[in-house]
Each structure stands twice: as C-alpha cells, then as structure tokens.
N, C-alpha and C. Protein backbone atom coordinates (compact mmCIF):
# COMPACT_ATOMS: atom_id res chain seq x y z
N PHE A 1 -72.40 29.00 -45.90
CA PHE A 1 -73.60 29.59 -46.46
C PHE A 1 -74.68 29.73 -45.39
N LEU A 2 -74.85 28.67 -44.59
CA LEU A 2 -75.86 28.70 -43.53
C LEU A 2 -75.53 29.76 -42.48
N LYS A 3 -74.25 29.82 -42.07
CA LYS A 3 -73.84 30.82 -41.08
C LYS A 3 -74.05 32.23 -41.62
N ARG A 4 -73.69 32.47 -42.85
CA ARG A 4 -73.86 33.80 -43.44
C ARG A 4 -75.34 34.16 -43.53
N GLY A 5 -76.17 33.21 -43.91
CA GLY A 5 -77.61 33.45 -43.98
C GLY A 5 -78.19 33.80 -42.61
N MET A 6 -77.74 33.06 -41.59
CA MET A 6 -78.20 33.34 -40.23
C MET A 6 -77.71 34.72 -39.78
N ASP A 7 -76.47 35.06 -40.12
CA ASP A 7 -75.94 36.39 -39.78
C ASP A 7 -76.83 37.49 -40.34
N ILE A 8 -77.20 37.37 -41.61
CA ILE A 8 -78.00 38.41 -42.26
C ILE A 8 -79.38 38.52 -41.62
N VAL A 9 -80.04 37.39 -41.41
CA VAL A 9 -81.40 37.41 -40.85
C VAL A 9 -81.38 37.94 -39.41
N ILE A 10 -80.48 37.43 -38.59
CA ILE A 10 -80.44 37.83 -37.18
C ILE A 10 -80.00 39.29 -37.03
N ALA A 11 -78.96 39.69 -37.78
CA ALA A 11 -78.47 41.07 -37.68
C ALA A 11 -79.52 42.06 -38.18
N SER A 12 -80.21 41.73 -39.26
CA SER A 12 -81.25 42.62 -39.78
C SER A 12 -82.38 42.77 -38.78
N THR A 13 -82.81 41.66 -38.21
CA THR A 13 -83.88 41.69 -37.21
C THR A 13 -83.44 42.47 -35.97
N ALA A 14 -82.22 42.20 -35.52
CA ALA A 14 -81.71 42.91 -34.33
C ALA A 14 -81.58 44.41 -34.60
N LEU A 15 -81.11 44.76 -35.78
CA LEU A 15 -80.97 46.18 -36.12
C LEU A 15 -82.34 46.87 -36.10
N LEU A 16 -83.33 46.20 -36.63
CA LEU A 16 -84.68 46.75 -36.64
C LEU A 16 -85.22 46.89 -35.21
N LEU A 17 -85.10 45.83 -34.42
CA LEU A 17 -85.63 45.85 -33.06
C LEU A 17 -84.87 46.80 -32.13
N LEU A 18 -83.57 46.93 -32.35
CA LEU A 18 -82.75 47.75 -31.48
C LEU A 18 -82.62 49.20 -31.96
N SER A 19 -83.21 49.52 -33.10
CA SER A 19 -83.08 50.88 -33.63
C SER A 19 -83.59 51.95 -32.65
N PRO A 20 -84.67 51.73 -31.89
CA PRO A 20 -85.06 52.76 -30.92
C PRO A 20 -83.97 53.02 -29.87
N ILE A 21 -83.31 51.96 -29.42
CA ILE A 21 -82.22 52.11 -28.45
C ILE A 21 -81.06 52.86 -29.10
N MET A 22 -80.76 52.51 -30.33
CA MET A 22 -79.65 53.17 -31.02
C MET A 22 -79.93 54.65 -31.25
N ILE A 23 -81.17 54.97 -31.58
CA ILE A 23 -81.54 56.38 -31.75
C ILE A 23 -81.42 57.12 -30.41
N ALA A 24 -81.89 56.48 -29.35
CA ALA A 24 -81.80 57.09 -28.01
C ALA A 24 -80.35 57.32 -27.61
N VAL A 25 -79.47 56.36 -27.90
CA VAL A 25 -78.05 56.51 -27.58
C VAL A 25 -77.46 57.70 -28.34
N GLY A 26 -77.78 57.79 -29.63
CA GLY A 26 -77.29 58.92 -30.43
C GLY A 26 -77.74 60.26 -29.87
N ILE A 27 -79.01 60.33 -29.47
CA ILE A 27 -79.54 61.57 -28.89
C ILE A 27 -78.84 61.88 -27.57
N MET A 28 -78.67 60.85 -26.72
CA MET A 28 -78.01 61.05 -25.42
C MET A 28 -76.59 61.56 -25.60
N LEU A 29 -75.87 61.00 -26.56
CA LEU A 29 -74.49 61.44 -26.78
C LEU A 29 -74.45 62.90 -27.24
N LYS A 30 -75.35 63.25 -28.13
CA LYS A 30 -75.36 64.64 -28.64
C LYS A 30 -75.80 65.62 -27.55
N VAL A 31 -76.83 65.26 -26.77
CA VAL A 31 -77.31 66.15 -25.70
C VAL A 31 -76.21 66.40 -24.68
N GLU A 32 -75.41 65.37 -24.40
CA GLU A 32 -74.33 65.51 -23.43
C GLU A 32 -73.14 66.29 -23.99
N GLY A 33 -73.16 66.55 -25.27
CA GLY A 33 -72.10 67.37 -25.84
C GLY A 33 -71.02 66.60 -26.55
N GLN A 34 -71.30 65.38 -26.99
CA GLN A 34 -70.32 64.60 -27.74
C GLN A 34 -69.95 65.37 -29.00
N SER A 35 -68.67 65.64 -29.17
CA SER A 35 -68.25 66.38 -30.36
C SER A 35 -68.12 65.43 -31.55
N GLY A 36 -68.25 65.97 -32.73
CA GLY A 36 -68.12 65.18 -33.94
C GLY A 36 -69.32 64.28 -34.19
N SER A 37 -69.10 63.25 -34.97
CA SER A 37 -70.14 62.30 -35.34
C SER A 37 -70.50 61.40 -34.15
N ILE A 38 -71.71 60.84 -34.17
CA ILE A 38 -72.07 59.88 -33.12
C ILE A 38 -71.51 58.50 -33.45
N PHE A 39 -71.04 58.32 -34.68
CA PHE A 39 -70.46 57.05 -35.10
C PHE A 39 -68.96 57.18 -35.31
N TYR A 40 -68.27 56.07 -35.09
CA TYR A 40 -66.83 55.99 -35.33
C TYR A 40 -66.58 54.78 -36.20
N GLY A 41 -65.89 54.97 -37.30
CA GLY A 41 -65.57 53.86 -38.19
C GLY A 41 -64.08 53.63 -38.23
N GLY A 42 -63.57 52.90 -37.26
CA GLY A 42 -62.14 52.62 -37.20
C GLY A 42 -61.76 51.49 -38.13
N HIS A 43 -60.59 51.60 -38.73
CA HIS A 43 -60.11 50.56 -39.64
C HIS A 43 -59.64 49.35 -38.85
N ARG A 44 -60.10 48.19 -39.27
CA ARG A 44 -59.74 46.92 -38.64
C ARG A 44 -59.35 45.93 -39.72
N ILE A 45 -58.68 44.85 -39.29
CA ILE A 45 -58.28 43.78 -40.19
C ILE A 45 -59.37 42.72 -40.17
N GLY A 46 -59.82 42.33 -41.35
CA GLY A 46 -60.89 41.35 -41.46
C GLY A 46 -60.45 40.08 -42.16
N ARG A 47 -61.42 39.41 -42.72
CA ARG A 47 -61.18 38.16 -43.43
C ARG A 47 -60.23 38.40 -44.60
N TYR A 48 -59.33 37.47 -44.79
CA TYR A 48 -58.30 37.53 -45.84
C TYR A 48 -57.35 38.71 -45.66
N GLY A 49 -57.33 39.29 -44.46
CA GLY A 49 -56.44 40.40 -44.17
C GLY A 49 -56.89 41.73 -44.74
N GLU A 50 -58.11 41.77 -45.26
CA GLU A 50 -58.62 43.02 -45.85
C GLU A 50 -59.05 43.98 -44.75
N LYS A 51 -58.77 45.26 -44.98
CA LYS A 51 -59.18 46.29 -44.03
C LYS A 51 -60.63 46.67 -44.28
N PHE A 52 -61.33 46.97 -43.19
CA PHE A 52 -62.70 47.45 -43.30
C PHE A 52 -62.95 48.44 -42.17
N ARG A 53 -64.02 49.21 -42.31
CA ARG A 53 -64.41 50.17 -41.27
C ARG A 53 -65.34 49.45 -40.30
N CYS A 54 -64.91 49.35 -39.07
CA CYS A 54 -65.68 48.70 -38.01
C CYS A 54 -66.46 49.80 -37.27
N TRP A 55 -67.78 49.78 -37.40
CA TRP A 55 -68.60 50.87 -36.87
C TRP A 55 -68.94 50.68 -35.40
N LYS A 56 -68.88 51.78 -34.67
CA LYS A 56 -69.23 51.83 -33.25
C LYS A 56 -69.85 53.19 -32.97
N PHE A 57 -70.51 53.30 -31.82
CA PHE A 57 -70.87 54.63 -31.37
C PHE A 57 -69.60 55.32 -30.90
N GLN A 58 -69.48 56.60 -31.18
CA GLN A 58 -68.31 57.39 -30.79
C GLN A 58 -68.34 57.58 -29.27
N SER A 59 -67.59 56.79 -28.56
CA SER A 59 -67.57 56.90 -27.11
C SER A 59 -66.31 57.60 -26.61
N MET A 60 -65.31 57.69 -27.46
CA MET A 60 -64.07 58.38 -27.09
C MET A 60 -64.04 59.75 -27.74
N GLU A 61 -63.36 60.66 -27.10
CA GLU A 61 -63.18 61.97 -27.70
C GLU A 61 -62.34 61.82 -28.96
N PRO A 62 -62.71 62.49 -30.04
CA PRO A 62 -61.93 62.40 -31.27
C PRO A 62 -60.48 62.86 -31.05
N ASN A 63 -59.57 62.21 -31.75
CA ASN A 63 -58.15 62.56 -31.72
C ASN A 63 -57.59 62.63 -30.29
N SER A 64 -57.91 61.62 -29.50
CA SER A 64 -57.51 61.65 -28.09
C SER A 64 -56.49 60.57 -27.72
N ASP A 65 -55.84 59.98 -28.71
CA ASP A 65 -54.84 58.95 -28.41
C ASP A 65 -53.72 59.47 -27.54
N HIS A 66 -53.45 60.77 -27.63
CA HIS A 66 -52.39 61.36 -26.79
C HIS A 66 -52.75 61.23 -25.30
N LEU A 67 -54.05 61.21 -24.97
CA LEU A 67 -54.45 61.05 -23.57
C LEU A 67 -54.10 59.66 -23.06
N LEU A 68 -54.27 58.66 -23.90
CA LEU A 68 -53.88 57.31 -23.52
C LEU A 68 -52.37 57.24 -23.32
N GLN A 69 -51.62 57.82 -24.24
CA GLN A 69 -50.16 57.79 -24.13
C GLN A 69 -49.68 58.50 -22.87
N GLU A 70 -50.30 59.63 -22.54
CA GLU A 70 -49.94 60.34 -21.31
C GLU A 70 -50.18 59.47 -20.08
N LEU A 71 -51.30 58.76 -20.06
CA LEU A 71 -51.60 57.86 -18.94
C LEU A 71 -50.55 56.75 -18.86
N LEU A 72 -50.25 56.13 -19.98
CA LEU A 72 -49.28 55.03 -19.99
C LEU A 72 -47.89 55.51 -19.58
N ASP A 73 -47.54 56.74 -19.95
CA ASP A 73 -46.23 57.29 -19.57
C ASP A 73 -46.15 57.63 -18.09
N SER A 74 -47.30 57.97 -17.48
CA SER A 74 -47.28 58.43 -16.09
C SER A 74 -47.72 57.37 -15.07
N ASP A 75 -48.32 56.27 -15.51
CA ASP A 75 -48.85 55.26 -14.60
C ASP A 75 -48.29 53.88 -14.97
N PRO A 76 -47.28 53.41 -14.22
CA PRO A 76 -46.66 52.13 -14.56
C PRO A 76 -47.64 50.95 -14.53
N GLN A 77 -48.60 50.98 -13.60
CA GLN A 77 -49.57 49.88 -13.53
C GLN A 77 -50.48 49.87 -14.75
N ALA A 78 -50.92 51.06 -15.18
CA ALA A 78 -51.75 51.15 -16.38
C ALA A 78 -50.96 50.66 -17.60
N LYS A 79 -49.68 51.01 -17.65
CA LYS A 79 -48.84 50.56 -18.76
C LYS A 79 -48.70 49.04 -18.76
N ALA A 80 -48.49 48.46 -17.57
CA ALA A 80 -48.38 47.01 -17.46
C ALA A 80 -49.68 46.33 -17.88
N ASP A 81 -50.81 46.88 -17.43
CA ASP A 81 -52.12 46.33 -17.82
C ASP A 81 -52.30 46.40 -19.33
N TRP A 82 -51.93 47.54 -19.93
CA TRP A 82 -52.08 47.71 -21.37
C TRP A 82 -51.23 46.71 -22.13
N GLU A 83 -50.00 46.50 -21.66
CA GLU A 83 -49.10 45.56 -22.34
C GLU A 83 -49.58 44.12 -22.21
N THR A 84 -50.24 43.80 -21.10
CA THR A 84 -50.73 42.44 -20.89
C THR A 84 -52.07 42.20 -21.56
N TYR A 85 -53.00 43.11 -21.36
CA TYR A 85 -54.38 42.89 -21.78
C TYR A 85 -54.80 43.67 -23.03
N ARG A 86 -54.04 44.71 -23.38
CA ARG A 86 -54.43 45.66 -24.43
C ARG A 86 -55.77 46.31 -24.05
N LYS A 87 -56.01 46.39 -22.75
CA LYS A 87 -57.18 47.02 -22.14
C LYS A 87 -56.69 47.71 -20.88
N LEU A 88 -57.48 48.64 -20.37
CA LEU A 88 -57.12 49.34 -19.13
C LEU A 88 -58.05 48.91 -18.00
N LYS A 89 -57.49 48.74 -16.83
CA LYS A 89 -58.30 48.47 -15.65
C LYS A 89 -58.75 49.77 -14.99
N VAL A 90 -57.98 50.83 -15.21
CA VAL A 90 -58.37 52.16 -14.73
C VAL A 90 -59.25 52.79 -15.81
N PRO A 91 -60.03 53.80 -15.46
CA PRO A 91 -60.86 54.45 -16.48
C PRO A 91 -60.02 54.97 -17.64
N ASP A 92 -60.52 54.76 -18.83
CA ASP A 92 -59.83 55.21 -20.04
C ASP A 92 -59.96 56.72 -20.14
N PRO A 93 -58.84 57.45 -20.18
CA PRO A 93 -58.91 58.91 -20.22
C PRO A 93 -59.51 59.46 -21.52
N ARG A 94 -59.63 58.63 -22.53
CA ARG A 94 -60.20 59.07 -23.81
C ARG A 94 -61.73 59.10 -23.76
N VAL A 95 -62.31 58.45 -22.74
CA VAL A 95 -63.76 58.42 -22.59
C VAL A 95 -64.11 59.42 -21.49
N THR A 96 -64.66 60.56 -21.90
CA THR A 96 -64.85 61.66 -20.95
C THR A 96 -66.30 61.93 -20.57
N LYS A 97 -67.23 61.47 -21.37
CA LYS A 97 -68.64 61.77 -21.11
C LYS A 97 -69.30 60.63 -20.33
N LYS A 98 -70.23 60.97 -19.46
CA LYS A 98 -70.92 59.98 -18.61
C LYS A 98 -71.64 58.93 -19.45
N ASN A 99 -72.43 59.38 -20.44
CA ASN A 99 -73.16 58.43 -21.29
C ASN A 99 -72.22 57.54 -22.09
N ALA A 100 -71.10 58.09 -22.53
CA ALA A 100 -70.11 57.31 -23.27
C ALA A 100 -69.54 56.20 -22.38
N LYS A 101 -69.30 56.52 -21.12
CA LYS A 101 -68.79 55.50 -20.18
C LYS A 101 -69.79 54.38 -20.01
N ILE A 102 -71.07 54.73 -19.94
CA ILE A 102 -72.12 53.72 -19.76
C ILE A 102 -72.23 52.82 -20.98
N ILE A 103 -72.25 53.42 -22.17
CA ILE A 103 -72.41 52.58 -23.36
C ILE A 103 -71.19 51.69 -23.60
N ARG A 104 -70.01 52.15 -23.18
CA ARG A 104 -68.82 51.29 -23.30
C ARG A 104 -68.87 50.15 -22.30
N LYS A 105 -69.24 50.46 -21.07
CA LYS A 105 -69.28 49.43 -20.03
C LYS A 105 -70.29 48.34 -20.37
N THR A 106 -71.40 48.72 -20.99
CA THR A 106 -72.45 47.76 -21.34
C THR A 106 -72.29 47.20 -22.76
N SER A 107 -71.27 47.64 -23.47
CA SER A 107 -70.99 47.24 -24.86
C SER A 107 -72.06 47.68 -25.85
N ILE A 108 -72.90 48.62 -25.46
CA ILE A 108 -73.89 49.17 -26.39
C ILE A 108 -73.19 49.90 -27.54
N ASP A 109 -71.98 50.37 -27.30
CA ASP A 109 -71.25 51.07 -28.36
C ASP A 109 -70.97 50.16 -29.56
N GLU A 110 -71.11 48.84 -29.37
CA GLU A 110 -70.84 47.88 -30.44
C GLU A 110 -72.04 47.64 -31.35
N LEU A 111 -73.23 48.11 -30.99
CA LEU A 111 -74.43 47.83 -31.77
C LEU A 111 -74.33 48.21 -33.25
N PRO A 112 -73.69 49.32 -33.61
CA PRO A 112 -73.58 49.62 -35.05
C PRO A 112 -72.84 48.55 -35.85
N GLN A 113 -72.13 47.64 -35.18
CA GLN A 113 -71.45 46.57 -35.90
C GLN A 113 -72.43 45.59 -36.53
N LEU A 114 -73.70 45.68 -36.15
CA LEU A 114 -74.71 44.87 -36.83
C LEU A 114 -74.74 45.24 -38.32
N TRP A 115 -74.47 46.50 -38.63
CA TRP A 115 -74.38 46.93 -40.02
C TRP A 115 -73.19 46.26 -40.71
N ASN A 116 -72.06 46.12 -39.98
CA ASN A 116 -70.90 45.42 -40.55
C ASN A 116 -71.25 43.96 -40.86
N VAL A 117 -72.10 43.36 -40.03
CA VAL A 117 -72.51 41.97 -40.26
C VAL A 117 -73.34 41.90 -41.55
N ILE A 118 -74.29 42.79 -41.70
CA ILE A 118 -75.14 42.80 -42.90
C ILE A 118 -74.29 43.02 -44.15
N LYS A 119 -73.31 43.92 -44.08
CA LYS A 119 -72.43 44.19 -45.22
C LYS A 119 -71.51 43.02 -45.56
N GLY A 120 -71.27 42.14 -44.58
CA GLY A 120 -70.40 41.00 -44.83
C GLY A 120 -68.98 41.18 -44.33
N ASP A 121 -68.69 42.31 -43.69
CA ASP A 121 -67.36 42.53 -43.13
C ASP A 121 -67.15 41.72 -41.86
N MET A 122 -68.24 41.45 -41.15
CA MET A 122 -68.16 40.75 -39.87
C MET A 122 -69.24 39.68 -39.81
N SER A 123 -69.14 38.87 -38.77
CA SER A 123 -70.14 37.85 -38.46
C SER A 123 -70.65 38.14 -37.05
N LEU A 124 -71.74 37.51 -36.67
CA LEU A 124 -72.21 37.68 -35.29
C LEU A 124 -71.24 37.04 -34.31
N VAL A 125 -70.69 35.87 -34.69
CA VAL A 125 -69.77 35.14 -33.82
C VAL A 125 -68.46 34.93 -34.56
N GLY A 126 -67.37 35.23 -33.88
CA GLY A 126 -66.04 35.05 -34.45
C GLY A 126 -65.03 35.81 -33.61
N PRO A 127 -63.78 35.74 -33.95
CA PRO A 127 -62.78 36.51 -33.20
C PRO A 127 -63.01 38.00 -33.40
N ARG A 128 -62.72 38.78 -32.39
CA ARG A 128 -62.92 40.24 -32.51
C ARG A 128 -62.00 40.82 -33.56
N PRO A 129 -62.47 41.86 -34.27
CA PRO A 129 -61.59 42.51 -35.26
C PRO A 129 -60.38 43.15 -34.58
N ILE A 130 -59.27 43.15 -35.29
CA ILE A 130 -58.05 43.69 -34.69
C ILE A 130 -57.56 44.92 -35.45
N LEU A 131 -56.79 45.71 -34.73
CA LEU A 131 -56.16 46.89 -35.30
C LEU A 131 -54.95 46.46 -36.12
N ASN A 132 -54.56 47.28 -37.07
CA ASN A 132 -53.41 46.99 -37.90
C ASN A 132 -52.14 46.79 -37.06
N ASP A 133 -51.99 47.61 -36.00
CA ASP A 133 -50.77 47.48 -35.19
C ASP A 133 -50.80 46.27 -34.26
N GLU A 134 -51.89 45.52 -34.24
CA GLU A 134 -51.96 44.29 -33.44
C GLU A 134 -51.60 43.05 -34.25
N VAL A 135 -51.51 43.18 -35.56
CA VAL A 135 -51.23 42.04 -36.43
C VAL A 135 -49.95 41.34 -36.01
N GLU A 136 -48.89 42.11 -35.77
CA GLU A 136 -47.60 41.50 -35.41
C GLU A 136 -47.67 40.76 -34.08
N LEU A 137 -48.58 41.17 -33.18
CA LEU A 137 -48.73 40.49 -31.90
C LEU A 137 -49.30 39.08 -32.07
N PHE A 138 -49.99 38.83 -33.18
CA PHE A 138 -50.57 37.51 -33.43
C PHE A 138 -49.54 36.50 -33.92
N GLY A 139 -48.40 36.99 -34.41
CA GLY A 139 -47.36 36.08 -34.90
C GLY A 139 -47.90 35.17 -35.99
N ASP A 140 -47.55 33.88 -35.91
CA ASP A 140 -47.99 32.90 -36.91
C ASP A 140 -49.50 32.67 -36.86
N ALA A 141 -50.13 32.97 -35.73
CA ALA A 141 -51.57 32.76 -35.59
C ALA A 141 -52.39 33.67 -36.49
N ILE A 142 -51.78 34.71 -37.06
CA ILE A 142 -52.52 35.63 -37.91
C ILE A 142 -53.06 34.91 -39.15
N SER A 143 -52.34 33.90 -39.62
CA SER A 143 -52.81 33.17 -40.81
C SER A 143 -54.11 32.43 -40.52
N GLN A 144 -54.29 31.98 -39.28
CA GLN A 144 -55.56 31.35 -38.90
C GLN A 144 -56.64 32.40 -38.69
N TYR A 145 -56.28 33.50 -38.05
CA TYR A 145 -57.23 34.56 -37.75
C TYR A 145 -57.92 35.07 -39.01
N ILE A 146 -57.16 35.32 -40.06
CA ILE A 146 -57.73 35.94 -41.26
C ILE A 146 -58.53 34.97 -42.12
N GLN A 147 -58.67 33.73 -41.71
CA GLN A 147 -59.46 32.77 -42.48
C GLN A 147 -60.96 32.93 -42.26
N VAL A 148 -61.35 33.66 -41.21
CA VAL A 148 -62.77 33.82 -40.88
C VAL A 148 -63.12 35.30 -40.75
N ARG A 149 -64.41 35.58 -40.83
CA ARG A 149 -64.86 36.95 -40.58
C ARG A 149 -64.76 37.24 -39.10
N PRO A 150 -64.30 38.42 -38.72
CA PRO A 150 -64.32 38.78 -37.31
C PRO A 150 -65.76 38.87 -36.82
N GLY A 151 -65.95 38.72 -35.52
CA GLY A 151 -67.29 38.69 -34.98
C GLY A 151 -67.57 39.79 -33.96
N ILE A 152 -68.86 40.03 -33.76
CA ILE A 152 -69.28 40.95 -32.71
C ILE A 152 -69.01 40.32 -31.35
N THR A 153 -69.22 39.03 -31.25
CA THR A 153 -68.91 38.32 -30.02
C THR A 153 -68.19 37.03 -30.38
N GLY A 154 -67.46 36.50 -29.42
CA GLY A 154 -66.71 35.29 -29.67
C GLY A 154 -66.21 34.67 -28.39
N LEU A 155 -65.32 33.73 -28.54
CA LEU A 155 -64.81 32.97 -27.41
C LEU A 155 -64.11 33.85 -26.37
N TRP A 156 -63.37 34.85 -26.84
CA TRP A 156 -62.66 35.73 -25.91
C TRP A 156 -63.64 36.48 -25.02
N GLN A 157 -64.74 37.00 -25.61
CA GLN A 157 -65.69 37.79 -24.83
C GLN A 157 -66.39 36.96 -23.77
N VAL A 158 -66.68 35.70 -24.06
CA VAL A 158 -67.40 34.88 -23.09
C VAL A 158 -66.45 34.12 -22.17
N SER A 159 -65.15 34.30 -22.36
CA SER A 159 -64.17 33.56 -21.55
C SER A 159 -63.31 34.48 -20.69
N GLY A 160 -63.81 35.65 -20.38
CA GLY A 160 -63.06 36.51 -19.47
C GLY A 160 -62.83 37.91 -19.95
N ARG A 161 -62.81 38.14 -21.23
CA ARG A 161 -62.65 39.45 -21.84
C ARG A 161 -61.56 40.29 -21.18
N ASN A 162 -61.92 41.25 -20.32
CA ASN A 162 -60.95 42.15 -19.73
C ASN A 162 -60.06 41.49 -18.69
N GLU A 163 -60.42 40.30 -18.26
CA GLU A 163 -59.62 39.59 -17.25
C GLU A 163 -58.66 38.59 -17.90
N THR A 164 -58.58 38.63 -19.21
CA THR A 164 -57.78 37.67 -19.95
C THR A 164 -56.65 38.38 -20.67
N SER A 165 -55.48 37.79 -20.65
CA SER A 165 -54.35 38.42 -21.34
C SER A 165 -54.57 38.43 -22.85
N PHE A 166 -53.88 39.34 -23.51
CA PHE A 166 -53.98 39.42 -24.97
C PHE A 166 -53.44 38.13 -25.59
N GLU A 167 -52.44 37.56 -24.95
CA GLU A 167 -51.87 36.30 -25.43
C GLU A 167 -52.92 35.19 -25.42
N ARG A 168 -53.73 35.16 -24.37
CA ARG A 168 -54.80 34.17 -24.28
C ARG A 168 -55.88 34.45 -25.31
N ARG A 169 -56.15 35.72 -25.56
CA ARG A 169 -57.12 36.09 -26.60
C ARG A 169 -56.66 35.54 -27.94
N ILE A 170 -55.38 35.67 -28.25
CA ILE A 170 -54.84 35.15 -29.50
C ILE A 170 -55.05 33.64 -29.58
N TYR A 171 -54.83 32.95 -28.47
CA TYR A 171 -55.05 31.51 -28.42
C TYR A 171 -56.50 31.17 -28.77
N TRP A 172 -57.45 31.87 -28.11
CA TRP A 172 -58.86 31.59 -28.37
C TRP A 172 -59.26 31.94 -29.79
N ASP A 173 -58.76 33.06 -30.31
CA ASP A 173 -59.07 33.44 -31.68
C ASP A 173 -58.54 32.39 -32.66
N SER A 174 -57.33 31.88 -32.42
CA SER A 174 -56.76 30.85 -33.28
C SER A 174 -57.55 29.56 -33.19
N TRP A 175 -57.97 29.22 -31.99
CA TRP A 175 -58.75 28.01 -31.79
C TRP A 175 -60.06 28.08 -32.55
N TYR A 176 -60.70 29.23 -32.51
CA TYR A 176 -61.97 29.40 -33.22
C TYR A 176 -61.76 29.20 -34.71
C-alpha cells in the first residue's frame, strides 16, 4: 500500500514537472518527420502475467522489425550480441531519426511510462516489463517475475543494463 501510494504521488508529480520536456520531445519528433504517432504502446507482460500497453515515445520506425532481422541475418556479431543481451551494441537499424537516437540513448523515451505507473500497470521500481516472446527465456523464474509490477527502473538498469547478459537480468529480476 505504501509503495503504491508513493508510486502515484511521485509519478503524478514527475509527469507534471516533466510535461514541458515531454511536449518538446513530441514536437522535436514531429518536426524531424517521425511518421505515425509520437507514442508507442507495445504489449508487455505485467503483474500476474496480465498483458498491458507499455507506453513510450515512438523512437523506432513503425513496422520496422524486418530491419532488425536483416541486421541479425547479415552481422554475426550483432546476432551474438542480441542472443546474449537482447540488446544491440551496434546502432539499431529501426531507429533512423537523430532525435529518436538521442531520446533512446538518454532513456527519455521511457517518460510516458509514468502514465503506466499512475494507471497501476507498472511501478517506479521493479523488474523491467518483458515481451511475450521473452517469457520462455525466464524459465521457472517467470513465476517470481509476475508476482510484482514491472518497473520503470530496477536492479538490472543500475547494475550494468546493456553490459549485462539477459541471463543475468533474469537473475536480478528474480532476486527483486
């Protein structure tokens, strides 16, 4: 109850204080020619295994998963990195705009998740939300993962993030 109350108060305050930055980001994305919506609501697995829309600024080109697959098919190192980290060390081909690259690098694209916190889909602190196709990678640890709300930040982010294997991320998420 106390954690949820703190989530609501802090997320609401942060959303209010950061709204000028969020408006500026939306304008920058549109001015640069970002196609489609400035927001992306990807489906993620949350508490009790329920799916929810995890909101972000649209930093990737819509319907561009084929670009990632082409990179993985043509670059063995990128494929190895993806299999180990579920992240790329080379620039993501799905992120094509300069402003989108900046907001991803600085994690500003995650600010709309404050709305997910207010709605109760997420918490400020907890394991990061996962994609449906990542559930099987968690193995038995998925039962621990789904006991809590996913978070905007958590142990994985402060313990290495892109320098940490996905296997280690699962360990930290389970520990949390």
